[in-house]
Protein backbone atom coordinates (compact mmCIF):
# COMPACT_ATOMS: atom_id res chain seq x y z
CA MET A 1 -178.33 149.46 40.78
CA ILE A 2 -176.52 152.64 39.63
CA PRO A 3 -176.81 154.51 42.98
CA GLN A 4 -175.42 151.48 44.84
CA CYS A 5 -172.57 151.06 42.35
CA LEU A 6 -171.72 154.77 42.56
CA SER A 7 -171.71 154.54 46.37
CA ILE A 8 -169.28 151.63 46.15
CA ALA A 9 -167.17 153.59 43.64
CA CYS A 10 -167.01 156.51 46.09
CA LEU A 11 -165.78 154.24 48.86
CA ILE A 12 -163.29 152.52 46.57
CA GLY A 13 -162.11 155.94 45.36
CA MET A 14 -161.54 157.13 48.93
CA ARG A 15 -159.62 153.99 49.91
CA PRO A 16 -156.25 154.84 48.30
CA ILE A 17 -156.35 158.35 49.73
CA ILE A 18 -156.96 157.01 53.25
CA MET A 19 -154.35 154.32 52.80
CA LYS A 20 -151.73 156.76 51.48
CA TYR A 21 -152.39 159.00 54.50
CA LEU A 22 -151.96 156.04 56.86
CA LEU A 23 -148.81 154.90 55.03
CA ASN A 24 -147.22 158.23 55.94
CA ILE A 25 -147.67 157.22 59.58
CA ILE A 26 -147.22 153.44 59.70
CA SER A 27 -145.60 150.70 57.56
CA ALA A 28 -147.44 148.67 54.93
CA ASN A 29 -147.08 145.52 57.05
CA SER A 30 -148.59 147.23 60.09
CA LEU A 31 -151.41 148.60 57.97
CA ILE A 32 -152.22 145.14 56.67
CA VAL A 33 -152.17 143.64 60.19
CA PHE A 34 -154.11 146.46 61.88
CA SER A 35 -156.77 146.62 59.16
CA GLY A 36 -157.04 142.81 59.22
CA ILE A 37 -157.65 142.83 62.98
CA ILE A 38 -160.27 145.57 62.70
CA ASN A 39 -161.89 143.71 59.78
CA PHE A 40 -161.98 140.50 61.85
CA ILE A 41 -163.68 142.31 64.76
CA PHE A 42 -166.34 143.79 62.46
CA ILE A 43 -166.94 140.38 60.87
CA LEU A 44 -167.40 138.78 64.28
CA LEU A 45 -169.90 141.45 65.28
CA TYR A 46 -171.75 140.98 62.01
CA ILE A 47 -171.94 137.20 62.54
CA LEU A 48 -173.08 137.54 66.15
CA PHE A 49 -175.81 140.10 65.56
CA ILE A 50 -177.02 139.70 61.98
CA GLU A 51 -176.18 136.51 60.08
CA SER A 52 -175.41 133.73 62.56
CA ASP A 53 -177.86 131.15 61.17
CA ASN A 54 -176.74 131.54 57.57
CA MET A 55 -173.06 131.45 58.54
CA ILE A 56 -173.44 128.04 60.19
CA LYS A 57 -175.23 126.61 57.15
CA ASP A 58 -172.72 128.16 54.75
CA PHE A 59 -169.79 126.87 56.80
CA HIS A 60 -171.03 123.32 56.28
CA LYS A 61 -171.55 123.94 52.54
CA ILE A 62 -168.03 125.31 52.08
CA ARG A 63 -166.41 122.69 54.25
CA ASN A 64 -167.71 119.99 51.92
CA ASP A 65 -166.81 121.76 48.66
CA LYS A 66 -163.02 121.61 48.15
CA THR A 67 -163.11 123.93 45.14
CA ALA A 68 -165.10 126.57 46.97
CA LEU A 69 -162.80 126.31 49.98
CA PHE A 70 -159.70 126.63 47.79
CA LEU A 71 -161.16 129.67 46.02
CA LEU A 72 -162.07 131.28 49.35
CA VAL A 73 -158.55 130.83 50.69
CA PHE A 74 -157.02 131.94 47.37
CA ILE A 75 -159.06 135.14 47.05
CA THR A 76 -158.56 136.00 50.71
CA PHE A 77 -154.79 135.57 50.35
CA CYS A 78 -154.79 137.62 47.15
CA ILE A 79 -156.86 140.45 48.65
CA PHE A 80 -155.23 140.73 52.03
CA ILE A 81 -151.63 140.03 51.16
CA VAL A 82 -150.78 140.41 47.48
CA ILE A 83 -153.19 143.17 46.43
CA ASP A 84 -153.03 145.26 49.59
CA TYR A 85 -149.27 144.98 50.14
CA THR A 86 -148.46 145.75 46.49
CA THR A 87 -150.94 148.64 46.40
CA PHE A 88 -149.55 150.06 49.65
CA GLU A 89 -145.98 149.89 48.38
CA LEU A 90 -146.99 151.61 45.10
CA LEU A 91 -148.91 154.31 47.00
CA LYS A 92 -145.74 155.19 48.89
CA ILE A 93 -144.00 156.30 45.68
CA HIS A 94 -146.75 157.24 43.18
CA LYS A 95 -149.81 159.46 43.09
CA ALA A 96 -152.92 157.70 44.37
CA TYR A 97 -155.07 158.50 41.36
CA LEU A 98 -152.45 157.06 38.95
CA ILE A 99 -152.26 153.78 40.86
CA GLU A 100 -156.02 153.42 40.92
CA ALA A 101 -156.34 154.41 37.25
CA VAL A 102 -154.07 151.58 36.18
CA ILE A 103 -155.76 149.13 38.55
CA ALA A 104 -159.07 150.15 36.96
CA VAL A 105 -158.25 147.94 33.96
CA TYR A 106 -159.84 145.09 35.92
CA PRO A 107 -163.27 145.30 34.20
CA LEU A 108 -161.70 143.93 31.03
CA ILE A 109 -160.06 141.14 33.01
CA THR A 110 -163.32 140.43 34.80
CA MET A 111 -165.13 140.31 31.49
CA LEU A 112 -162.55 137.89 30.06
CA PHE A 113 -162.69 135.51 33.03
CA GLY A 114 -166.48 135.79 33.22
CA TYR A 115 -166.60 134.69 29.60
CA LEU A 116 -163.99 131.92 29.94
CA ILE A 117 -164.96 130.46 33.33
CA LEU A 118 -168.61 131.38 33.95
CA ASN A 119 -169.73 131.32 30.29
CA GLU A 120 -171.13 134.83 30.62
CA THR A 121 -172.17 136.57 27.43
CA VAL A 122 -169.99 139.48 26.37
CA SER A 123 -171.46 141.68 23.66
CA TYR A 124 -169.61 143.99 21.36
CA THR A 125 -170.94 146.99 23.27
CA HIS A 126 -169.57 145.56 26.54
CA PHE A 127 -166.19 145.04 24.90
CA LEU A 128 -166.31 148.53 23.38
CA GLY A 129 -167.12 149.96 26.82
CA ALA A 130 -164.10 148.20 28.31
CA LEU A 131 -161.92 149.61 25.53
CA PHE A 132 -163.17 153.11 26.39
CA ILE A 133 -162.20 152.50 29.99
CA ILE A 134 -158.72 151.38 28.98
CA THR A 135 -158.36 154.36 26.64
CA GLY A 136 -159.32 156.67 29.50
CA ILE A 137 -156.77 155.03 31.76
CA VAL A 138 -154.03 155.45 29.14
CA LEU A 139 -154.92 159.11 28.70
CA LEU A 140 -154.99 159.68 32.47
CA VAL A 141 -151.59 158.08 33.08
CA LYS A 142 -149.79 159.92 30.26
């Protein structure tokens, strides 16, 4: 699990640097549209060559579950419009590592919603770990 998570962390860490570079060339709106088009193309290729059977089954499952459909639309809107646009605008005027450091408070929010909505268990050590993350963020931003 740790190597995979660190690989994801490397990609996530590179994202604001790449985005800030691109924002020096094109507008935030263009970046959202262009990356959305490229993302759509990759998703189509993935569906065609790798997961076509599961996609058809899952489409029928989601179509019949109004809560799941709402959550899918909500999270897609939040990721592609609200999160990306706001992040891009912030990257234009602030250092990339500072933006990402503040955004990195999300584990505490994830832990809270996991507890409240999914009834996940949160131990004192998990909470203490989240506090260490937040302390690190505060020290990094100052």
